[in-house]
C-alpha atoms as a PDB file:
ATOM      1  CA  SER A   1      35.346   8.846  -5.666  1.00  0.00           C
ATOM      2  CA  ASN A   2      33.595  10.998  -3.070  1.00  0.00           C
ATOM      3  CA  SER A   3      33.864  14.166  -5.174  1.00  0.00           C
ATOM      4  CA  ASN A   4      31.990  12.482  -8.074  1.00  0.00           C
ATOM      5  CA  LEU A   5      29.268  11.298  -5.673  1.00  0.00           C
ATOM      6  CA  VAL A   6      28.878  14.832  -4.268  1.00  0.00           C
ATOM      7  CA  LEU A   7      28.657  16.243  -7.801  1.00  0.00           C
ATOM      8  CA  VAL A   8      25.962  13.690  -8.761  1.00  0.00           C
ATOM      9  CA  LEU A   9      23.989  14.423  -5.576  1.00  0.00           C
ATOM     10  CA  LEU A  10      24.255  18.202  -6.134  1.00  0.00           C
ATOM     11  CA  SER A  11      23.103  17.775  -9.753  1.00  0.00           C
ATOM     12  CA  PHE A  12      20.135  15.665  -8.634  1.00  0.00           C
ATOM     13  CA  PHE A  13      19.235  18.202  -5.919  1.00  0.00           C
ATOM     14  CA  THR A  14      19.383  21.057  -8.451  1.00  0.00           C
ATOM     15  CA  LEU A  15      17.168  19.115 -10.897  1.00  0.00           C
ATOM     16  CA  SER A  16      14.684  18.371  -8.118  1.00  0.00           C
ATOM     17  CA  LEU A  17      14.455  22.044  -7.208  1.00  0.00           C
ATOM     18  CA  SER A  18      14.013  23.216 -10.806  1.00  0.00           C
ATOM     19  CA  ALA A  19      11.288  20.643 -11.473  1.00  0.00           C
ATOM     20  CA  GLN A  20       9.431  21.899  -8.388  1.00  0.00           C
ATOM     21  CA  ASP A  21       9.318  25.553  -9.563  1.00  0.00           C
ATOM     22  CA  PHE A  22       5.698  26.589  -9.991  1.00  0.00           C
ATOM     23  CA  SER A  23       4.934  30.231 -10.676  1.00  0.00           C
ATOM     24  CA  PRO A  24       2.438  30.560 -13.533  1.00  0.00           C
ATOM     25  CA  GLU A  25       1.719  34.119 -14.664  1.00  0.00           C
ATOM     26  CA  VAL A  26      -1.917  35.179 -14.923  1.00  0.00           C
ATOM     27  CA  SER A  27      -3.674  38.259 -16.287  1.00  0.00           C
ATOM     28  CA  PHE A  28      -7.343  39.195 -16.694  1.00  0.00           C
ATOM     29  CA  THR A  29      -9.227  41.658 -18.900  1.00  0.00           C
ATOM     30  CA  ILE A  30     -12.796  42.984 -18.882  1.00  0.00           C
ATOM     31  CA  ASP A  31     -13.294  44.790 -22.200  1.00  0.00           C
ATOM     32  CA  ASN A  32     -16.324  46.859 -21.126  1.00  0.00           C
ATOM     33  CA  PRO A  33     -15.776  47.995 -17.512  1.00  0.00           C
ATOM     34  CA  VAL A  34     -19.255  49.475 -17.026  1.00  0.00           C
ATOM     35  CA  MET A  35     -21.489  48.436 -14.115  1.00  0.00           C
ATOM     36  CA  GLY A  36     -24.276  46.013 -15.031  1.00  0.00           C
ATOM     37  CA  GLN A  37     -23.298  45.700 -18.697  1.00  0.00           C
ATOM     38  CA  ALA A  38     -22.216  42.651 -20.700  1.00  0.00           C
ATOM     39  CA  SER A  39     -18.501  42.293 -21.227  1.00  0.00           C
ATOM     40  CA  THR A  40     -15.989  39.991 -22.841  1.00  0.00           C
ATOM     41  CA  PHE A  41     -14.039  38.343 -20.022  1.00  0.00           C
ATOM     42  CA  SER A  42     -10.512  37.290 -20.973  1.00  0.00           C
ATOM     43  CA  PHE A  43      -7.647  35.653 -19.172  1.00  0.00           C
ATOM     44  CA  GLU A  44      -4.140  34.503 -19.980  1.00  0.00           C
ATOM     45  CA  ILE A  45      -2.068  31.892 -18.153  1.00  0.00           C
ATOM     46  CA  SER A  46       1.570  31.248 -19.030  1.00  0.00           C
ATOM     47  CA  GLN A  47       4.478  29.226 -17.691  1.00  0.00           C
ATOM     48  CA  SER A  48       8.204  29.311 -18.278  1.00  0.00           C
ATOM     49  CA  GLU A  49      10.301  26.329 -19.308  1.00  0.00           C
ATOM     50  CA  GLY A  50      11.154  24.004 -16.429  1.00  0.00           C
ATOM     51  CA  GLU A  51       8.106  24.705 -14.280  1.00  0.00           C
ATOM     52  CA  THR A  52       5.861  21.928 -12.982  1.00  0.00           C
ATOM     53  CA  ASP A  53       2.859  21.245 -15.245  1.00  0.00           C
ATOM     54  CA  ILE A  54      -0.489  22.787 -14.272  1.00  0.00           C
ATOM     55  CA  LEU A  55      -3.031  20.248 -12.997  1.00  0.00           C
ATOM     56  CA  ASN A  56      -6.052  22.577 -12.823  1.00  0.00           C
ATOM     57  CA  SER A  57      -7.036  26.206 -12.444  1.00  0.00           C
ATOM     58  CA  THR A  58     -10.013  28.064 -11.018  1.00  0.00           C
ATOM     59  CA  ILE A  59     -10.785  31.706 -11.733  1.00  0.00           C
ATOM     60  CA  THR A  60     -13.400  33.444  -9.592  1.00  0.00           C
ATOM     61  CA  THR A  61     -14.975  36.885  -9.254  1.00  0.00           C
ATOM     62  CA  ASN A  62     -16.644  38.462  -6.236  1.00  0.00           C
ATOM     63  CA  GLY A  63     -19.492  39.805  -8.371  1.00  0.00           C
ATOM     64  CA  GLY A  64     -21.124  39.620 -11.772  1.00  0.00           C
ATOM     65  CA  SER A  65     -22.699  36.637 -13.491  1.00  0.00           C
ATOM     66  CA  PHE A  66     -22.686  34.490 -16.604  1.00  0.00           C
ATOM     67  CA  ASP A  67     -25.826  34.492 -18.738  1.00  0.00           C
ATOM     68  CA  ILE A  68     -26.246  30.721 -18.323  1.00  0.00           C
ATOM     69  CA  ALA A  69     -30.017  30.767 -19.003  1.00  0.00           C
ATOM     70  CA  SER A  70     -29.475  31.935 -22.588  1.00  0.00           C
ATOM     71  CA  LEU A  71     -26.994  29.165 -23.460  1.00  0.00           C
ATOM     72  CA  THR A  72     -27.874  26.106 -25.523  1.00  0.00           C
ATOM     73  CA  VAL A  73     -25.774  23.089 -26.452  1.00  0.00           C
ATOM     74  CA  GLY A  74     -23.672  23.880 -29.533  1.00  0.00           C
ATOM     75  CA  ASP A  75     -23.356  27.628 -28.875  1.00  0.00           C
ATOM     76  CA  VAL A  76     -19.862  29.061 -29.429  1.00  0.00           C
ATOM     77  CA  VAL A  77     -19.284  31.301 -26.398  1.00  0.00           C
ATOM     78  CA  GLY A  78     -15.612  32.055 -26.725  1.00  0.00           C
ATOM     79  CA  SER A  79     -12.287  31.386 -28.321  1.00  0.00           C
ATOM     80  CA  GLY A  80      -8.627  31.290 -27.590  1.00  0.00           C
ATOM     81  CA  SER A  81      -5.156  30.423 -28.694  1.00  0.00           C
ATOM     82  CA  GLY A  82      -2.054  29.060 -27.178  1.00  0.00           C
ATOM     83  CA  PHE A  83       1.043  26.985 -27.373  1.00  0.00           C
ATOM     84  CA  ILE A  84       2.506  24.074 -25.450  1.00  0.00           C
ATOM     85  CA  ASP A  85       5.875  22.333 -25.405  1.00  0.00           C
ATOM     86  CA  GLY A  86       7.818  25.586 -25.659  1.00  0.00           C
ATOM     87  CA  GLY A  87       5.958  26.580 -28.827  1.00  0.00           C
ATOM     88  CA  SER A  88       6.472  23.384 -30.851  1.00  0.00           C
ATOM     89  CA  SER A  89       2.684  22.881 -30.833  1.00  0.00           C
ATOM     90  CA  SER A  90       0.295  25.796 -31.127  1.00  0.00           C
ATOM     91  CA  GLY A  91      -3.151  26.660 -32.395  1.00  0.00           C
ATOM     92  CA  GLU A  92      -6.483  28.332 -31.975  1.00  0.00           C
ATOM     93  CA  PHE A  93      -9.619  26.923 -30.397  1.00  0.00           C
ATOM     94  CA  SER A  94     -13.305  27.625 -29.825  1.00  0.00           C
ATOM     95  CA  LEU A  95     -15.326  27.199 -26.636  1.00  0.00           C
ATOM     96  CA  VAL A  96     -18.511  25.268 -27.442  1.00  0.00           C
ATOM     97  CA  VAL A  97     -21.339  24.584 -24.977  1.00  0.00           C
ATOM     98  CA  ASN A  98     -21.596  20.837 -24.288  1.00  0.00           C
ATOM     99  CA  ALA A  99     -24.080  20.786 -21.359  1.00  0.00           C
ATOM    100  CA  VAL A 100     -26.123  23.340 -19.417  1.00  0.00           C
ATOM    101  CA  THR A 101     -27.619  23.173 -15.922  1.00  0.00           C
ATOM    102  CA  GLU A 102     -29.410  25.883 -13.949  1.00  0.00           C
ATOM    103  CA  ASN A 103     -26.209  27.558 -12.727  1.00  0.00           C
ATOM    104  CA  SER A 104     -23.401  26.131 -14.856  1.00  0.00           C
ATOM    105  CA  ALA A 105     -22.295  25.072 -18.321  1.00  0.00           C
ATOM    106  CA  ASP A 106     -19.654  22.632 -19.539  1.00  0.00           C
ATOM    107  CA  LEU A 107     -17.643  23.953 -22.465  1.00  0.00           C
ATOM    108  CA  ASP A 108     -15.664  21.825 -24.906  1.00  0.00           C
ATOM    109  CA  VAL A 109     -12.349  23.264 -26.088  1.00  0.00           C
ATOM    110  CA  VAL A 110     -12.466  22.488 -29.821  1.00  0.00           C
ATOM    111  CA  ASP A 111      -9.465  22.891 -32.127  1.00  0.00           C
ATOM    112  CA  SER A 112      -9.455  23.869 -35.811  1.00  0.00           C
ATOM    113  CA  ASN A 113      -9.822  20.165 -36.777  1.00  0.00           C
ATOM    114  CA  SER A 114     -13.075  19.983 -34.739  1.00  0.00           C
ATOM    115  CA  ASP A 115     -11.374  17.740 -32.173  1.00  0.00           C
ATOM    116  CA  VAL A 116     -12.210  18.218 -28.491  1.00  0.00           C
ATOM    117  CA  ILE A 117      -8.852  18.920 -26.817  1.00  0.00           C
ATOM    118  CA  GLY A 118     -10.065  19.990 -23.382  1.00  0.00           C
ATOM    119  CA  MET A 119     -12.967  21.052 -21.206  1.00  0.00           C
ATOM    120  CA  MET A 120     -13.929  23.989 -19.017  1.00  0.00           C
ATOM    121  CA  ASN A 121     -16.809  24.617 -16.653  1.00  0.00           C
ATOM    122  CA  ILE A 122     -18.334  28.039 -16.061  1.00  0.00           C
ATOM    123  CA  SER A 123     -20.764  28.661 -13.232  1.00  0.00           C
ATOM    124  CA  ASN A 124     -22.569  31.305 -11.233  1.00  0.00           C
ATOM    125  CA  SER A 125     -21.689  31.100  -7.561  1.00  0.00           C
ATOM    126  CA  SER A 126     -24.479  30.887  -5.015  1.00  0.00           C
ATOM    127  CA  ASN A 127     -22.727  33.563  -2.927  1.00  0.00           C
ATOM    128  CA  ASN A 128     -22.310  36.037  -5.837  1.00  0.00           C
ATOM    129  CA  GLY A 129     -19.792  36.075  -8.656  1.00  0.00           C
ATOM    130  CA  VAL A 130     -18.671  33.442 -11.127  1.00  0.00           C
ATOM    131  CA  SER A 131     -16.251  30.551 -11.351  1.00  0.00           C
ATOM    132  CA  ILE A 132     -14.282  29.190 -14.329  1.00  0.00           C
ATOM    133  CA  TYR A 133     -12.674  25.779 -13.840  1.00  0.00           C
ATOM    134  CA  ALA A 134     -10.282  24.057 -16.234  1.00  0.00           C
ATOM    135  CA  SER A 135      -8.192  20.942 -15.761  1.00  0.00           C
ATOM    136  CA  ASN A 136      -5.308  19.469 -17.693  1.00  0.00           C
ATOM    137  CA  THR A 137      -6.790  16.708 -19.869  1.00  0.00           C
ATOM    138  CA  TYR A 138      -3.621  15.380 -21.484  1.00  0.00           C
ATOM    139  CA  ASP A 139      -0.835  13.230 -20.109  1.00  0.00           C
ATOM    140  CA  ASP A 140       2.509  14.150 -21.622  1.00  0.00           C
ATOM    141  CA  GLY A 141       4.341  11.503 -19.602  1.00  0.00           C
ATOM    142  CA  ASN A 142       6.108  13.969 -17.313  1.00  0.00           C
ATOM    143  CA  ASN A 143       5.434  16.738 -14.781  1.00  0.00           C
ATOM    144  CA  GLU A 144       7.524  19.520 -16.313  1.00  0.00           C
ATOM    145  CA  THR A 145       6.633  22.032 -19.016  1.00  0.00           C
ATOM    146  CA  ALA A 146       8.851  23.255 -21.817  1.00  0.00           C
ATOM    147  CA  GLY A 147       6.827  26.485 -21.637  1.00  0.00           C
ATOM    148  CA  ASN A 148       3.171  27.167 -22.425  1.00  0.00           C
ATOM    149  CA  LEU A 149       0.643  29.946 -22.909  1.00  0.00           C
ATOM    150  CA  GLN A 150      -3.161  29.918 -23.102  1.00  0.00           C
ATOM    151  CA  GLN A 151      -5.258  32.970 -23.964  1.00  0.00           C
ATOM    152  CA  VAL A 152      -9.007  32.523 -23.440  1.00  0.00           C
ATOM    153  CA  GLU A 153     -11.886  34.873 -24.240  1.00  0.00           C
ATOM    154  CA  LEU A 154     -15.497  34.372 -23.107  1.00  0.00           C
ATOM    155  CA  THR A 155     -17.430  36.602 -25.479  1.00  0.00           C
ATOM    156  CA  GLY A 156     -20.303  38.737 -24.182  1.00  0.00           C
ATOM    157  CA  ILE A 157     -21.714  36.217 -21.667  1.00  0.00           C
ATOM    158  CA  PHE A 158     -20.332  37.868 -18.517  1.00  0.00           C
ATOM    159  CA  THR A 159     -22.361  40.700 -16.939  1.00  0.00           C
ATOM    160  CA  ASN A 160     -20.457  43.086 -14.692  1.00  0.00           C
ATOM    161  CA  PRO A 161     -21.785  43.568 -11.157  1.00  0.00           C
ATOM    162  CA  MET A 162     -23.607  46.752 -10.111  1.00  0.00           C
ATOM    163  CA  SER A 163     -20.704  47.818  -7.924  1.00  0.00           C
ATOM    164  CA  SER A 164     -17.770  50.184  -8.262  1.00  0.00           C
ATOM    165  CA  SER A 165     -15.294  47.326  -8.680  1.00  0.00           C
ATOM    166  CA  VAL A 166     -14.898  43.592  -9.170  1.00  0.00           C
ATOM    167  CA  VAL A 167     -12.134  41.388  -7.769  1.00  0.00           C
ATOM    168  CA  ILE A 168     -10.904  38.597 -10.051  1.00  0.00           C
ATOM    169  CA  SER A 169      -8.824  35.825  -8.516  1.00  0.00           C
ATOM    170  CA  SER A 170      -7.139  32.655  -9.703  1.00  0.00           C
ATOM    171  CA  SER A 171      -5.993  29.549  -7.905  1.00  0.00           C
ATOM    172  CA  ILE A 172      -3.758  27.167  -9.871  1.00  0.00           C
ATOM    173  CA  PHE A 173      -2.547  23.753  -8.710  1.00  0.00           C
ATOM    174  CA  SER A 174       0.468  21.808  -9.992  1.00  0.00           C
ATOM    175  CA  GLU A 175       0.630  18.136 -10.993  1.00  0.00           C
ATOM    176  CA  LEU A 176       3.229  17.468  -8.292  1.00  0.00           C
ATOM    177  CA  GLU A 177       1.202  19.074  -5.494  1.00  0.00           C
ATOM    178  CA  PRO A 178      -2.488  18.478  -6.323  1.00  0.00           C
ATOM    179  CA  ASN A 179      -3.524  19.395  -2.762  1.00  0.00           C
ATOM    180  CA  GLY A 180      -1.500  22.588  -2.660  1.00  0.00           C
ATOM    181  CA  PRO A 181      -0.055  24.943  -2.036  1.00  0.00           C
ATOM    182  CA  SER A 182      -1.587  26.649  -5.055  1.00  0.00           C
ATOM    183  CA  ALA A 183      -0.273  29.611  -7.037  1.00  0.00           C
ATOM    184  CA  ASP A 184      -2.773  32.392  -6.280  1.00  0.00           C
ATOM    185  CA  TYR A 185      -3.235  35.762  -7.951  1.00  0.00           C
ATOM    186  CA  SER A 186      -5.851  38.469  -7.497  1.00  0.00           C
ATOM    187  CA  THR A 187      -6.568  41.877  -8.998  1.00  0.00           C
ATOM    188  CA  GLU A 188      -9.314  44.475  -8.637  1.00  0.00           C
ATOM    189  CA  TYR A 189     -10.971  46.165 -11.628  1.00  0.00           C
ATOM    190  CA  ASP A 190     -12.668  49.519 -11.190  1.00  0.00           C
ATOM    191  CA  LEU A 191     -16.057  49.695 -12.915  1.00  0.00           C
ATOM    192  CA  LEU A 192     -17.638  52.816 -14.340  1.00  0.00           C
ATOM    193  CA  GLY A 193     -21.206  53.945 -13.729  1.00  0.00           C
ATOM    194  CA  ASP A 194     -23.702  53.421 -16.538  1.00  0.00           C
ATOM    195  CA  PHE A 195     -24.303  56.870 -18.031  1.00  0.00           C
ATOM    196  CA  SER A 196     -26.479  55.736 -20.935  1.00  0.00           C
ATOM    197  CA  PRO A 197     -29.826  57.573 -21.249  1.00  0.00           C
ATOM    198  CA  ALA A 198     -32.758  55.807 -19.588  1.00  0.00           C
END
């Protein structure tokens, strides 16, 4: 009957809308907010159940730099933890340098079994600031998450800029819309002057 057809169409339309929802939550932390000093740079990205899977994410700053020159292959430069599939799979990981160029480094995301489960790239921007790029490296056979959370910490390799603040921004793209629009977030951190004796 027509009423059953309308109900099926409405159900399909509702499912289509829910699968298109894409509003990841992002937060950033600089543990030592002092101008010109090294700091641990952390970020957290989470999604609620029913959102479209993340394809890739880029985090940038308008100042500061990574100490790329001091990195060598095999260095552990960070760690993290997270869960996927609504929490049915979770664990901790390390960030291990895989390759280094003049202005960037590829980092392997290595789980507790020493398996590489992902990759990130960190770089110093030519126009000031840094960039952190990560892409989804697994295919779960669908475009919808059951809920996920990743907490990442880059330990002591970020140097704060010599300015009174730093703006940290993220741009995250979904699997269903790889060319955008992206989910963008930005926040400004106030930095303190360096009062240590000369």
